[in-house]
Structures are given as structure tokens and as C-alpha cells.
Amino acid sequence: MSRAALLVLADGRFPAGGHAHSGGAEPAVAAGHIKDAVTLERFCRGRLHTAGLVAAGLAAAAAAGHDPLLLDDAADARTPVPALRTTARKLGRQMMRAARATWPGPDLDALAAARPRGAHQPVVLGVAARSAGLEPLDAAYAVAYENISGPATAAVRLLSLDPFDATAVLARLAADLDRVAQQGADAAARVALEGTDALPAASAPLLDITAEAHAAWPVRLFAS
């Protein structure tokens, strides 16, 4: 196994469509919840321990080889807002295209055939990680990092925030990222005995509400 594949998967330039999404940062900026590096860090920490934790568990479970269709159903159950389900599946389709071109394999092909409209992005990422020879913890790290790097990058564009400050925010969240990735991987390890109920189901109601409102904006910079 080469851990270099993790660098490719977590690279912001990996063509999985994440650059078009703000992870809730755009409506948070509009509402005044994100206005500088301090408030960006607060937003990202909250997102990491809720949406990021859920995604880490799902990705780790998929990378461990658990049934991706059951995991996709579990992701649906943990995503009550239609706008976020639509976004997750759009990102899943794009991740699938990139992953099949990069690490082609039967697991990705089977999931693409079973979910032609797209599976949830963390599930696809986990299957991609498995195809790349990575471990469940690697998949948890990749998806958890994406959950905070996306909003941080979006904040630079939305606020003209100094990119050095945004990167420093990500660095300060390193310990939190370690904990969330490990929690996701630990939960995934229990799926064999406990089923998908073992996976995290943390909620972020404000992210849900603002995502649904943002989807109805007539003009926006980001798709979500």
C-alpha cells in the first residue's frame, strides 16, 4: 500500500467538484456568522464535529468494505434536508468520475451501476480509498479534512480573507481533525457487529436550515 494515494485523494486539486461548494460558508458569511479568521475557525470546528464526523464514519466504513448501498441508505437517514442530499449525490457523481479514472476497479463500477444518479460523496470517497489501497482511517482523514478545507477556501473568496489566515485556521484544527478521524474509524470498526447504527449521527440544524435557504437563492457564488 502506498500512502501517497491519500495525498492525491485529499488534494484540493483532485477533480471531484468540491471547489464549487462552500460547505455552508456562503450563507454563514451572508448571515454574519463568518466575518474573520476567528469566526471561520468557530464555524469549521462546529462543522468538523457534526457533518465531518458523520462523513468520517461513512467513508471509513466504505473503505473497510462494508456494503456501500447500506451505507448510502445510512447517509440518507443522516441527511434530513433535501438540498444537502442533492448536494451529496452531485458531489458523489463527480467523485465517482474522478475515482474511476484514477483508481479503476470493480467496487467503484458496481456502485456506479447501482446508484446511477450518484451515491453520497463520503461513501464514494470511502470506496475510492479502498480501490486506492488505503485504510479506513485514511478515508476518514480525507473526508474530515475536506469538510473544513472547503469552507476555509470559500471564505478566502467570499471575504477576501488572507489565505495565510485561512490556512492557519486549518492548522489550529489539526488536533480536532485527528480526534474526528479516529472516532469515525472506530465507529466503522463496529459496523460488522452493530450494523450502520454504530455510525455517528451528529446533527447541525443551522447548517441544515441555511443549506435549504441557500438552495433557493437566485444568485450565489457557490452551489452549496
Protein backbone atom coordinates (compact mmCIF):
# COMPACT_ATOMS: atom_id res chain seq x y z
CA MET A 1 0.00 0.00 0.00
CA SER A 2 1.24 3.49 -0.82
CA ARG A 3 0.08 6.30 1.44
CA ALA A 4 0.87 8.68 -1.42
CA ALA A 5 -2.63 7.89 -2.71
CA LEU A 6 -4.01 9.70 0.33
CA LEU A 7 -2.26 12.88 -0.80
CA VAL A 8 -3.92 12.58 -4.19
CA LEU A 9 -7.36 11.91 -2.69
CA ALA A 10 -7.17 14.80 -0.20
CA ASP A 11 -5.62 17.27 -2.65
CA GLY A 12 -7.91 20.22 -3.30
CA ARG A 13 -6.98 19.91 -6.99
CA PHE A 14 -8.40 16.40 -7.23
CA PRO A 15 -11.22 16.93 -9.78
CA ALA A 16 -14.08 15.87 -7.53
CA GLY A 17 -16.09 19.10 -7.77
CA GLY A 18 -15.55 20.38 -4.25
CA HIS A 19 -14.26 23.77 -5.46
CA ALA A 20 -17.83 24.72 -6.45
CA HIS A 21 -19.18 24.18 -2.93
CA SER A 22 -18.68 26.23 0.23
CA GLY A 23 -19.86 23.68 2.79
CA GLY A 24 -22.33 26.19 4.19
CA ALA A 25 -19.82 29.02 4.37
CA GLU A 26 -21.58 31.24 1.83
CA PRO A 27 -24.88 31.55 3.78
CA ALA A 28 -22.88 31.80 7.02
CA VAL A 29 -20.95 34.77 5.61
CA ALA A 30 -24.18 36.38 4.41
CA ALA A 31 -25.69 35.97 7.89
CA GLY A 32 -22.63 37.43 9.58
CA HIS A 33 -21.67 34.19 11.31
CA ILE A 34 -18.33 34.14 9.46
CA LYS A 35 -16.61 37.50 9.19
CA ASP A 36 -12.93 36.87 10.04
CA ALA A 37 -10.47 34.13 10.90
CA VAL A 38 -11.79 33.76 14.44
CA THR A 39 -15.37 33.14 13.35
CA LEU A 40 -14.20 30.95 10.46
CA GLU A 41 -12.39 28.73 12.96
CA ARG A 42 -15.52 28.52 15.11
CA PHE A 43 -17.62 27.56 12.09
CA CYS A 44 -15.16 24.95 10.87
CA ARG A 45 -14.80 23.37 14.30
CA GLY A 46 -18.57 23.01 14.61
CA ARG A 47 -18.85 21.58 11.12
CA LEU A 48 -15.99 19.16 11.73
CA HIS A 49 -17.58 17.68 14.86
CA THR A 50 -21.01 17.28 13.23
CA ALA A 51 -21.14 16.89 9.44
CA GLY A 52 -17.44 16.00 9.36
CA LEU A 53 -17.83 13.26 11.96
CA VAL A 54 -20.78 11.71 10.14
CA ALA A 55 -18.86 11.77 6.85
CA ALA A 56 -15.75 10.27 8.50
CA GLY A 57 -17.73 7.31 9.79
CA LEU A 58 -19.39 6.66 6.45
CA ALA A 59 -16.14 6.95 4.47
CA ALA A 60 -14.24 4.72 6.88
CA ALA A 61 -16.98 2.08 6.75
CA ALA A 62 -16.96 2.10 2.94
CA ALA A 63 -13.17 1.83 2.90
CA ALA A 64 -13.46 -1.14 5.26
CA GLY A 65 -15.51 -2.96 2.63
CA HIS A 66 -18.98 -2.72 4.16
CA ASP A 67 -21.92 -2.71 1.75
CA PRO A 68 -21.91 0.74 0.12
CA LEU A 69 -25.61 0.56 -0.68
CA LEU A 70 -26.47 0.09 3.00
CA LEU A 71 -24.07 2.90 3.82
CA ASP A 72 -25.72 5.11 1.22
CA ASP A 73 -29.08 4.47 2.87
CA ALA A 74 -27.49 5.32 6.23
CA ALA A 75 -26.19 8.57 4.74
CA ASP A 76 -29.68 9.43 3.52
CA ALA A 77 -31.06 8.86 7.02
CA ARG A 78 -28.42 11.20 8.43
CA THR A 79 -29.15 13.93 5.86
CA PRO A 80 -32.70 15.15 6.53
CA VAL A 81 -32.56 18.21 4.29
CA PRO A 82 -33.30 17.70 0.55
CA ALA A 83 -30.79 20.36 -0.50
CA LEU A 84 -27.95 18.59 1.28
CA ARG A 85 -28.96 15.18 -0.07
CA THR A 86 -28.93 16.62 -3.59
CA THR A 87 -25.53 18.19 -3.00
CA ALA A 88 -24.08 15.00 -1.52
CA ARG A 89 -25.17 12.99 -4.54
CA LYS A 90 -23.90 15.56 -7.04
CA LEU A 91 -20.54 15.51 -5.32
CA GLY A 92 -20.71 11.73 -5.25
CA ARG A 93 -21.19 11.58 -9.01
CA GLN A 94 -18.22 13.83 -9.60
CA MET A 95 -16.09 11.92 -7.10
CA MET A 96 -17.07 8.70 -8.87
CA ARG A 97 -15.93 10.02 -12.25
CA ALA A 98 -12.60 11.14 -10.83
CA ALA A 99 -12.05 7.98 -8.80
CA ARG A 100 -12.86 5.57 -11.66
CA ALA A 101 -10.38 7.39 -13.88
CA THR A 102 -7.71 7.39 -11.16
CA TRP A 103 -8.15 4.02 -9.39
CA PRO A 104 -10.41 1.91 -11.64
CA GLY A 105 -11.81 -1.22 -10.05
CA PRO A 106 -14.88 -3.46 -9.72
CA ASP A 107 -16.09 -1.93 -6.44
CA LEU A 108 -16.42 1.53 -7.96
CA ASP A 109 -18.00 0.08 -11.10
CA ALA A 110 -20.59 -1.82 -9.06
CA LEU A 111 -21.53 1.24 -7.00
CA ALA A 112 -21.80 3.41 -10.11
CA ALA A 113 -24.13 0.86 -11.71
CA ALA A 114 -26.27 0.54 -8.59
CA ARG A 115 -26.51 4.30 -8.00
CA PRO A 116 -26.51 5.90 -11.46
CA ARG A 117 -27.82 9.19 -10.01
CA GLY A 118 -24.97 9.25 -7.54
CA ALA A 119 -24.25 7.86 -4.09
CA HIS A 120 -23.44 10.14 -1.16
CA GLN A 121 -19.98 11.60 -1.54
CA PRO A 122 -18.44 10.18 1.68
CA VAL A 123 -19.50 6.67 0.64
CA VAL A 124 -17.97 7.08 -2.82
CA LEU A 125 -14.80 8.53 -1.29
CA GLY A 126 -14.53 5.52 1.00
CA VAL A 127 -14.90 3.06 -1.87
CA ALA A 128 -12.33 5.09 -3.82
CA ALA A 129 -9.95 4.92 -0.88
CA ARG A 130 -10.36 1.15 -0.79
CA SER A 131 -9.68 0.94 -4.54
CA ALA A 132 -6.55 3.03 -3.97
CA GLY A 133 -5.32 0.60 -1.30
CA LEU A 134 -5.90 2.96 1.61
CA GLU A 135 -7.10 2.13 5.13
CA PRO A 136 -10.41 3.18 6.74
CA LEU A 137 -8.62 5.76 8.89
CA ASP A 138 -7.12 7.29 5.75
CA ALA A 139 -10.59 7.70 4.26
CA ALA A 140 -11.83 9.26 7.48
CA TYR A 141 -8.97 11.77 7.43
CA ALA A 142 -9.55 12.69 3.79
CA VAL A 143 -13.27 13.36 4.14
CA ALA A 144 -12.95 15.11 7.51
CA TYR A 145 -10.28 17.42 6.12
CA GLU A 146 -12.44 18.19 3.11
CA ASN A 147 -15.25 19.22 5.44
CA ILE A 148 -13.16 22.09 6.79
CA SER A 149 -10.82 22.92 3.91
CA GLY A 150 -13.79 23.63 1.62
CA PRO A 151 -15.32 26.33 3.88
CA ALA A 152 -11.86 27.79 4.57
CA THR A 153 -11.12 28.13 0.85
CA ALA A 154 -14.58 29.57 0.21
CA ALA A 155 -14.10 32.16 2.96
CA VAL A 156 -10.98 33.44 1.21
CA ARG A 157 -13.06 34.13 -1.89
CA LEU A 158 -16.15 35.42 -0.09
CA LEU A 159 -14.43 37.72 2.40
CA SER A 160 -11.13 38.39 0.64
CA LEU A 161 -9.70 36.76 3.75
CA ASP A 162 -5.94 36.46 3.83
CA PRO A 163 -5.18 32.91 2.65
CA PHE A 164 -2.41 32.68 5.24
CA ASP A 165 -5.01 33.27 7.96
CA ALA A 166 -7.35 30.65 6.47
CA THR A 167 -4.53 28.10 6.35
CA ALA A 168 -3.64 28.90 9.95
CA VAL A 169 -7.24 28.09 10.90
CA LEU A 170 -6.86 24.63 9.37
CA ALA A 171 -3.58 24.12 11.23
CA ARG A 172 -5.18 25.04 14.56
CA LEU A 173 -7.86 22.41 13.93
CA ALA A 174 -5.32 19.61 13.46
CA ALA A 175 -5.91 18.05 16.88
CA ASP A 176 -9.69 18.14 16.35
CA LEU A 177 -9.21 16.56 12.94
CA ASP A 178 -7.19 13.74 14.50
CA ARG A 179 -9.95 13.04 17.01
CA VAL A 180 -12.78 13.14 14.48
CA ALA A 181 -10.97 10.87 12.00
CA GLN A 182 -10.23 8.35 14.74
CA GLN A 183 -13.81 8.47 16.03
CA GLY A 184 -15.09 7.83 12.52
CA ALA A 185 -12.74 4.89 12.02
CA ASP A 186 -13.58 3.44 15.44
CA ALA A 187 -17.30 3.63 14.66
CA ALA A 188 -16.73 1.97 11.28
CA ALA A 189 -14.95 -0.90 13.02
CA ARG A 190 -18.14 -1.64 14.97
CA VAL A 191 -20.38 -1.86 11.89
CA ALA A 192 -19.70 -5.58 11.42
CA LEU A 193 -21.27 -6.32 14.81
CA GLU A 194 -23.74 -3.46 15.28
CA GLY A 195 -24.74 -2.54 11.73
CA THR A 196 -24.92 1.02 10.45
CA ASP A 197 -26.45 2.20 13.75
CA ALA A 198 -22.86 2.19 15.02
CA LEU A 199 -22.02 5.12 12.74
CA PRO A 200 -22.15 8.70 14.03
CA ALA A 201 -25.39 10.61 13.55
CA ALA A 202 -24.38 14.06 14.80
CA SER A 203 -26.64 16.89 13.64
CA ALA A 204 -26.10 20.55 12.78
CA PRO A 205 -29.58 22.10 12.50
CA LEU A 206 -28.32 25.54 11.49
CA LEU A 207 -26.33 24.06 8.61
CA ASP A 208 -29.47 22.20 7.52
CA ILE A 209 -31.66 25.30 7.65
CA THR A 210 -29.21 27.57 5.85
CA ALA A 211 -28.49 24.94 3.19
CA GLU A 212 -32.16 24.74 2.27
CA ALA A 213 -32.46 28.53 2.16
CA HIS A 214 -29.24 28.90 0.16
CA ALA A 215 -30.51 26.47 -2.50
CA ALA A 216 -33.32 28.93 -3.25
CA TRP A 217 -31.08 31.99 -3.70
CA PRO A 218 -31.47 33.35 -7.26
CA VAL A 219 -27.81 34.40 -7.34
CA ARG A 220 -24.98 32.71 -5.47
CA LEU A 221 -21.27 32.17 -5.90
CA PHE A 222 -21.24 28.54 -4.73
CA ALA A 223 -23.54 25.63 -5.47
CA SER A 224 -23.92 24.93 -1.74
